[in-house]
Amino acid sequence: MPPPPPPTGGIWQASAGQFSLAEDRRARRVGDLVTVRLVERIRAEKSMEQDGQRNSRRTVDLPDAFPFNKVDEGLFSGGAQSAFSGSGGASQANSLSGEFTVTVLRVLPNGVLMVAGDRRIRLVRGEEQVQLTGLIRPEDIGPDNRIPSTRVADARLRFTGTGEIANQARQGWLSRFFSAIAPF
């Protein structure tokens, strides 16, 4: 928060948070609040397929003279053959909606606002937490001091949960161990 203004001796304090009727009430100073509408929808898909094959054949031709004529003809020949076929795929879809209010932490020299916010909701079976940091342009803020999350630059949005439900959705430590060392 900014430090309080020095006393002037008068009753009217222009910087005490009072606005005139003609003044725009959009966030533009350190400590101002902006409501961010979360409209995140992310979908990612990836698939891969790979085939490979290799054949090789080696033979050695020996002269037809003694002692080479006593060696079986197939003794110095050989070959190798290998084949590989693999495929994989991954798909993920996430959606996050709602809104919460963040605070202007800093005003950069170009007028861009650095914001951050943290919301924790304690539920019966755990706690949910949403954190957001990023940069916003004052001209992107609506007259109601709201901005969509898609207009937040360098956004760091983190959504985590704790409690029984989050613990049940997580793989156990022994399963994680075997997944990490399994060669297949």
Protein backbone atom coordinates (compact mmCIF):
# COMPACT_ATOMS: atom_id res chain seq x y z
CA MET A 1 0.00 0.00 0.00
CA PRO A 2 1.22 3.51 -0.69
CA PRO A 3 2.26 5.62 2.30
CA PRO A 4 -0.37 8.08 3.55
CA PRO A 5 -0.08 11.62 2.19
CA PRO A 6 1.54 14.22 4.43
CA PRO A 7 -0.96 16.37 6.33
CA THR A 8 -1.74 19.70 4.73
CA GLY A 9 -3.59 21.29 7.61
CA GLY A 10 -6.87 21.51 5.69
CA ILE A 11 -10.05 19.50 5.99
CA TRP A 12 -10.10 18.49 2.29
CA GLN A 13 -7.68 15.69 1.46
CA ALA A 14 -7.71 15.23 -2.32
CA SER A 15 -5.78 11.95 -2.23
CA ALA A 16 -7.78 10.30 0.55
CA GLY A 17 -9.68 8.07 -1.86
CA GLN A 18 -12.39 10.58 -2.75
CA PHE A 19 -13.32 10.99 -6.38
CA SER A 20 -14.97 13.84 -8.15
CA LEU A 21 -18.08 13.21 -10.22
CA ALA A 22 -16.10 13.57 -13.46
CA GLU A 23 -13.22 11.34 -12.44
CA ASP A 24 -12.83 7.83 -13.87
CA ARG A 25 -12.90 5.19 -11.11
CA ARG A 26 -10.87 2.58 -13.00
CA ALA A 27 -7.88 1.11 -11.22
CA ARG A 28 -4.67 2.99 -11.97
CA ARG A 29 -2.77 3.38 -8.68
CA VAL A 30 -0.99 1.06 -6.27
CA GLY A 31 -3.53 -0.49 -3.93
CA ASP A 32 -6.48 -0.20 -6.35
CA LEU A 33 -8.58 -3.32 -6.90
CA VAL A 34 -9.40 -5.01 -10.22
CA THR A 35 -11.82 -7.92 -10.64
CA VAL A 36 -10.52 -10.59 -13.02
CA ARG A 37 -13.06 -12.75 -14.87
CA LEU A 38 -11.51 -16.20 -15.32
CA VAL A 39 -12.32 -17.39 -18.82
CA GLU A 40 -9.58 -19.95 -19.36
CA ARG A 41 -10.26 -22.82 -21.75
CA ILE A 42 -7.24 -24.81 -22.82
CA ARG A 43 -7.24 -27.93 -24.93
CA ALA A 44 -4.15 -29.80 -26.06
CA GLU A 45 -3.77 -32.97 -28.08
CA LYS A 46 -0.67 -34.77 -29.19
CA SER A 47 -0.16 -38.05 -30.98
CA MET A 48 2.86 -39.74 -32.43
CA GLU A 49 3.53 -42.84 -34.42
CA GLN A 50 6.90 -44.23 -35.41
CA ASP A 51 8.06 -47.26 -37.36
CA GLY A 52 11.59 -48.35 -38.08
CA GLN A 53 13.24 -51.36 -39.63
CA ARG A 54 16.84 -52.36 -40.25
CA ASN A 55 18.33 -55.35 -42.05
CA SER A 56 21.98 -56.21 -42.55
CA ARG A 57 23.80 -59.18 -44.03
CA ARG A 58 27.52 -59.87 -43.87
CA THR A 59 29.47 -62.65 -45.56
CA VAL A 60 33.13 -63.37 -45.96
CA ASP A 61 34.29 -65.06 -49.15
CA LEU A 62 37.26 -67.32 -48.45
CA PRO A 63 39.65 -68.44 -51.15
CA ASP A 64 39.20 -71.95 -52.46
CA ALA A 65 42.67 -72.99 -51.30
CA PHE A 66 43.96 -74.99 -48.37
CA PRO A 67 43.25 -74.48 -45.37
CA PHE A 68 40.25 -72.27 -46.28
CA ASN A 69 38.55 -74.98 -48.32
CA LYS A 70 38.17 -77.05 -45.08
CA VAL A 71 35.99 -74.34 -43.48
CA ASP A 72 32.23 -74.64 -43.87
CA GLU A 73 30.92 -72.05 -46.29
CA GLY A 74 28.32 -70.51 -43.91
CA LEU A 75 30.69 -70.26 -40.93
CA PHE A 76 31.79 -66.68 -41.67
CA SER A 77 28.45 -65.25 -42.71
CA GLY A 78 25.81 -63.67 -40.57
CA GLY A 79 23.24 -60.98 -40.40
CA ALA A 80 21.00 -58.99 -38.15
CA GLN A 81 17.47 -57.79 -38.39
CA SER A 82 15.61 -55.42 -36.10
CA ALA A 83 12.25 -53.73 -36.20
CA PHE A 84 10.54 -51.15 -34.04
CA SER A 85 6.99 -49.92 -33.98
CA GLY A 86 5.58 -47.53 -31.44
CA SER A 87 2.76 -45.09 -30.96
CA GLY A 88 1.55 -42.79 -28.25
CA GLY A 89 -1.00 -40.15 -27.59
CA ALA A 90 -2.04 -37.61 -24.98
CA SER A 91 -5.05 -35.39 -24.64
CA GLN A 92 -5.86 -32.78 -22.04
CA ALA A 93 -8.66 -30.26 -21.63
CA ASN A 94 -8.98 -27.70 -18.85
CA SER A 95 -11.52 -25.04 -18.11
CA LEU A 96 -11.54 -22.47 -15.34
CA SER A 97 -14.28 -19.92 -14.84
CA GLY A 98 -15.31 -17.51 -12.13
CA GLU A 99 -13.94 -14.23 -10.93
CA PHE A 100 -11.94 -12.79 -8.11
CA THR A 101 -10.33 -9.50 -7.21
CA VAL A 102 -6.62 -8.71 -7.39
CA THR A 103 -4.62 -5.76 -6.09
CA VAL A 104 -2.42 -3.38 -8.10
CA LEU A 105 1.07 -3.92 -6.68
CA ARG A 106 3.07 -1.62 -8.90
CA VAL A 107 2.62 0.85 -11.73
CA LEU A 108 5.37 0.41 -14.32
CA PRO A 109 6.91 3.47 -16.04
CA ASN A 110 4.85 2.81 -19.19
CA GLY A 111 1.60 2.83 -17.17
CA VAL A 112 1.10 -0.97 -17.16
CA LEU A 113 -0.24 -2.29 -13.86
CA MET A 114 1.38 -5.23 -12.07
CA VAL A 115 -1.35 -7.14 -10.22
CA ALA A 116 -1.52 -10.10 -7.86
CA GLY A 117 -4.26 -11.85 -5.96
CA ASP A 118 -4.86 -14.91 -3.85
CA ARG A 119 -8.16 -16.52 -2.97
CA ARG A 120 -8.54 -19.43 -0.56
CA ILE A 121 -11.80 -21.22 -0.03
CA ARG A 122 -12.06 -23.57 2.91
CA LEU A 123 -14.47 -26.41 2.23
CA VAL A 124 -15.70 -29.21 4.47
CA ARG A 125 -13.23 -31.71 2.98
CA GLY A 126 -10.31 -29.47 2.04
CA GLU A 127 -9.16 -26.12 0.77
CA GLU A 128 -9.04 -24.66 -2.74
CA GLN A 129 -6.63 -21.89 -3.68
CA VAL A 130 -6.42 -19.67 -6.77
CA GLN A 131 -3.44 -17.36 -7.29
CA LEU A 132 -2.97 -14.91 -10.15
CA THR A 133 -0.13 -12.54 -11.00
CA GLY A 134 0.38 -10.62 -14.20
CA LEU A 135 0.39 -7.35 -16.06
CA ILE A 136 -2.64 -5.44 -17.31
CA ARG A 137 -3.11 -2.33 -19.40
CA PRO A 138 -5.37 0.28 -17.82
CA GLU A 139 -7.24 0.71 -21.12
CA ASP A 140 -8.27 -2.98 -21.02
CA ILE A 141 -10.08 -2.48 -17.71
CA GLY A 142 -13.83 -2.02 -18.13
CA PRO A 143 -15.78 0.82 -16.51
CA ASP A 144 -16.85 -1.62 -13.76
CA ASN A 145 -13.15 -2.38 -12.94
CA ARG A 146 -13.38 -5.84 -14.50
CA ILE A 147 -11.01 -7.47 -16.98
CA PRO A 148 -11.06 -10.93 -18.60
CA SER A 149 -8.14 -13.19 -17.69
CA THR A 150 -7.30 -13.48 -21.39
CA ARG A 151 -6.19 -9.81 -21.28
CA VAL A 152 -3.65 -10.38 -18.47
CA ALA A 153 -0.11 -10.47 -19.88
CA ASP A 154 2.56 -12.75 -18.39
CA ALA A 155 -0.23 -14.35 -16.38
CA ARG A 156 0.71 -16.92 -13.78
CA LEU A 157 -2.49 -18.66 -12.80
CA ARG A 158 -2.27 -21.40 -10.21
CA PHE A 159 -5.18 -23.50 -9.00
CA THR A 160 -4.48 -26.02 -6.25
CA GLY A 161 -6.43 -28.03 -3.76
CA THR A 162 -5.77 -29.89 -0.55
CA GLY A 163 -7.77 -32.28 1.54
CA GLU A 164 -9.32 -35.71 1.20
CA ILE A 165 -10.50 -35.38 -2.41
CA ALA A 166 -7.13 -34.05 -3.62
CA ASN A 167 -5.36 -36.88 -1.76
CA GLN A 168 -7.60 -39.52 -3.35
CA ALA A 169 -6.90 -38.18 -6.83
CA ARG A 170 -3.14 -38.50 -6.32
CA GLN A 171 -1.24 -41.70 -7.03
CA GLY A 172 0.27 -43.39 -3.94
CA TRP A 173 4.00 -43.19 -3.19
CA LEU A 174 4.66 -46.87 -3.90
CA SER A 175 2.86 -46.68 -7.26
CA ARG A 176 4.83 -43.52 -8.14
CA PHE A 177 8.07 -45.37 -7.24
CA PHE A 178 7.31 -48.34 -9.49
CA SER A 179 6.16 -46.03 -12.31
CA ALA A 180 9.48 -44.18 -12.11
CA ILE A 181 11.67 -47.30 -12.31
CA ALA A 182 9.59 -49.40 -14.69
CA PRO A 183 11.47 -49.86 -17.99
CA PHE A 184 8.28 -50.41 -20.03
